[in-house]
N, C-alpha and C. Protein backbone atom coordinates (compact mmCIF):
# COMPACT_ATOMS: atom_id res chain seq x y z
N MET A 1 -0.75 39.43 0.87
CA MET A 1 0.67 39.30 1.17
C MET A 1 1.30 40.69 1.32
N SER A 2 2.18 40.79 2.25
CA SER A 2 2.88 42.05 2.47
C SER A 2 4.27 41.99 1.85
N TRP A 3 4.91 43.12 1.82
CA TRP A 3 6.27 43.18 1.29
C TRP A 3 7.19 42.28 2.11
N ILE A 4 6.98 42.26 3.41
CA ILE A 4 7.79 41.41 4.29
C ILE A 4 7.61 39.94 3.92
N ASP A 5 6.37 39.52 3.74
CA ASP A 5 6.10 38.13 3.36
C ASP A 5 6.77 37.78 2.03
N ASP A 6 6.65 38.68 1.07
CA ASP A 6 7.21 38.44 -0.25
C ASP A 6 8.74 38.41 -0.26
N ASN A 7 9.37 39.08 0.69
CA ASN A 7 10.82 39.22 0.70
C ASN A 7 11.50 38.63 1.92
N TYR A 8 10.79 37.81 2.67
CA TYR A 8 11.33 37.27 3.92
C TYR A 8 12.66 36.55 3.71
N SER A 9 12.73 35.66 2.73
CA SER A 9 13.99 34.93 2.51
C SER A 9 15.11 35.88 2.09
N ASN A 10 14.78 36.91 1.33
CA ASN A 10 15.78 37.92 0.96
C ASN A 10 16.29 38.65 2.20
N ILE A 11 15.38 39.02 3.09
CA ILE A 11 15.76 39.74 4.31
C ILE A 11 16.73 38.89 5.14
N LEU A 12 16.43 37.61 5.26
CA LEU A 12 17.33 36.71 5.98
C LEU A 12 18.70 36.66 5.31
N GLN A 13 18.71 36.62 3.99
CA GLN A 13 19.98 36.57 3.26
C GLN A 13 20.76 37.88 3.41
N TRP A 14 20.07 39.02 3.35
CA TRP A 14 20.74 40.31 3.53
C TRP A 14 21.40 40.39 4.90
N ALA A 15 20.67 39.92 5.93
CA ALA A 15 21.22 39.94 7.28
C ALA A 15 22.44 39.02 7.37
N SER A 16 22.37 37.88 6.73
CA SER A 16 23.49 36.96 6.72
C SER A 16 24.70 37.59 6.02
N ASN A 17 24.45 38.28 4.93
CA ASN A 17 25.54 38.94 4.19
C ASN A 17 26.17 40.05 5.04
N ILE A 18 25.35 40.85 5.69
CA ILE A 18 25.85 41.96 6.49
C ILE A 18 26.69 41.46 7.67
N THR A 19 26.25 40.36 8.27
CA THR A 19 26.96 39.83 9.44
C THR A 19 28.03 38.81 9.08
N LYS A 20 28.25 38.62 7.79
CA LYS A 20 29.22 37.62 7.32
C LYS A 20 28.87 36.24 7.87
N SER A 21 27.58 35.91 7.77
CA SER A 21 27.03 34.61 8.17
C SER A 21 27.14 34.30 9.66
N ASP A 22 27.13 35.32 10.49
CA ASP A 22 27.14 35.13 11.93
C ASP A 22 25.87 34.38 12.34
N GLU A 23 25.98 33.59 13.40
CA GLU A 23 24.83 32.80 13.86
C GLU A 23 23.68 33.67 14.35
N LEU A 24 23.94 34.95 14.65
CA LEU A 24 22.89 35.85 15.09
C LEU A 24 22.27 36.66 13.95
N SER A 25 22.57 36.29 12.72
CA SER A 25 22.03 37.04 11.58
C SER A 25 20.50 36.97 11.54
N GLY A 26 19.92 35.87 11.97
CA GLY A 26 18.46 35.76 12.03
C GLY A 26 17.87 36.76 13.01
N ASP A 27 18.56 36.97 14.13
CA ASP A 27 18.11 37.96 15.10
C ASP A 27 18.13 39.36 14.49
N LEU A 28 19.19 39.66 13.73
CA LEU A 28 19.28 40.95 13.07
C LEU A 28 18.13 41.13 12.08
N ALA A 29 17.84 40.10 11.31
CA ALA A 29 16.75 40.17 10.33
C ALA A 29 15.42 40.44 11.03
N HIS A 30 15.15 39.73 12.10
CA HIS A 30 13.87 39.91 12.80
C HIS A 30 13.80 41.25 13.53
N TYR A 31 14.93 41.72 14.03
CA TYR A 31 14.96 43.05 14.63
C TYR A 31 14.64 44.11 13.57
N ALA A 32 15.25 43.99 12.39
CA ALA A 32 15.01 44.96 11.32
C ALA A 32 13.55 44.93 10.87
N ILE A 33 12.97 43.75 10.78
CA ILE A 33 11.56 43.63 10.41
C ILE A 33 10.68 44.33 11.43
N GLU A 34 10.94 44.08 12.71
CA GLU A 34 10.16 44.71 13.77
C GLU A 34 10.29 46.23 13.73
N GLN A 35 11.52 46.71 13.57
CA GLN A 35 11.73 48.16 13.52
C GLN A 35 11.04 48.77 12.30
N PHE A 36 11.09 48.09 11.19
CA PHE A 36 10.44 48.56 9.97
C PHE A 36 8.92 48.64 10.16
N LEU A 37 8.33 47.58 10.67
CA LEU A 37 6.87 47.53 10.83
C LEU A 37 6.34 48.55 11.84
N THR A 38 7.16 48.94 12.80
CA THR A 38 6.71 49.86 13.83
C THR A 38 7.21 51.29 13.61
N HIS A 39 7.93 51.51 12.54
CA HIS A 39 8.50 52.83 12.27
C HIS A 39 7.39 53.81 11.87
N HIS A 40 7.53 55.06 12.29
CA HIS A 40 6.50 56.05 11.99
C HIS A 40 6.39 56.36 10.50
N ARG A 41 7.38 56.01 9.70
CA ARG A 41 7.33 56.24 8.25
C ARG A 41 6.94 54.99 7.47
N TYR A 42 6.53 53.93 8.15
CA TYR A 42 6.20 52.66 7.49
C TYR A 42 5.19 52.85 6.35
N GLU A 43 4.10 53.51 6.62
CA GLU A 43 3.05 53.70 5.60
C GLU A 43 3.59 54.47 4.40
N GLU A 44 4.35 55.50 4.66
CA GLU A 44 4.93 56.32 3.58
C GLU A 44 5.87 55.49 2.70
N ILE A 45 6.73 54.73 3.33
CA ILE A 45 7.72 53.95 2.60
C ILE A 45 7.07 52.84 1.78
N THR A 46 6.11 52.14 2.36
CA THR A 46 5.44 51.08 1.62
C THR A 46 4.60 51.65 0.47
N ALA A 47 4.01 52.83 0.66
CA ALA A 47 3.25 53.46 -0.42
C ALA A 47 4.17 53.83 -1.57
N LYS A 48 5.35 54.38 -1.26
CA LYS A 48 6.32 54.70 -2.30
C LYS A 48 6.77 53.44 -3.03
N ASP A 49 6.96 52.36 -2.29
CA ASP A 49 7.40 51.11 -2.90
C ASP A 49 6.34 50.56 -3.84
N LEU A 50 5.07 50.72 -3.49
CA LEU A 50 3.99 50.26 -4.37
C LEU A 50 3.94 51.07 -5.66
N LEU A 51 4.21 52.36 -5.56
CA LEU A 51 4.18 53.23 -6.75
C LEU A 51 5.39 53.00 -7.65
N ASP A 52 6.53 52.68 -7.07
CA ASP A 52 7.76 52.51 -7.83
C ASP A 52 8.54 51.32 -7.27
N PRO A 53 8.05 50.09 -7.53
CA PRO A 53 8.67 48.90 -6.91
C PRO A 53 10.11 48.65 -7.36
N GLY A 54 10.49 49.14 -8.50
CA GLY A 54 11.84 48.92 -8.98
C GLY A 54 12.89 49.72 -8.24
N TYR A 55 12.48 50.77 -7.55
CA TYR A 55 13.43 51.64 -6.85
C TYR A 55 13.98 51.00 -5.58
N GLY A 56 13.17 50.21 -4.89
CA GLY A 56 13.63 49.51 -3.69
C GLY A 56 13.54 50.31 -2.41
N HIS A 57 12.46 51.07 -2.24
CA HIS A 57 12.29 51.87 -1.03
C HIS A 57 12.33 51.01 0.24
N CYS A 58 11.55 49.94 0.25
CA CYS A 58 11.50 49.07 1.44
C CYS A 58 12.83 48.37 1.66
N ARG A 59 13.41 47.87 0.59
CA ARG A 59 14.70 47.18 0.70
C ARG A 59 15.76 48.11 1.29
N GLY A 60 15.83 49.31 0.77
CA GLY A 60 16.80 50.28 1.27
C GLY A 60 16.60 50.61 2.72
N PHE A 61 15.34 50.72 3.14
CA PHE A 61 15.05 51.05 4.52
C PHE A 61 15.44 49.91 5.46
N ILE A 62 15.10 48.69 5.08
CA ILE A 62 15.46 47.52 5.88
C ILE A 62 16.98 47.39 6.00
N LEU A 63 17.67 47.59 4.88
CA LEU A 63 19.13 47.48 4.90
C LEU A 63 19.76 48.59 5.77
N ALA A 64 19.20 49.78 5.75
CA ALA A 64 19.70 50.86 6.59
C ALA A 64 19.53 50.52 8.06
N ILE A 65 18.40 49.93 8.41
CA ILE A 65 18.18 49.50 9.80
C ILE A 65 19.24 48.49 10.19
N MET A 66 19.49 47.53 9.32
CA MET A 66 20.49 46.48 9.64
C MET A 66 21.89 47.08 9.78
N ARG A 67 22.25 47.98 8.91
CA ARG A 67 23.59 48.57 8.96
C ARG A 67 23.79 49.44 10.20
N ASN A 68 22.72 50.07 10.65
CA ASN A 68 22.85 50.95 11.81
C ASN A 68 22.79 50.14 13.08
């Protein structure tokens, strides 16, 4: 299982919160997932998250993608 698999429902909820429950929030969530998985720092960020899961490296990165 990957971090995305483990947090998929959370990612959908974060997108819904950011968009104030807009009907396109699912599109935002999937866009953020795609950008995260293809980002040149993906390996670095996931490695940091494995070493310190309480810090929220992956969560912060996904949320930054959504906000931008």
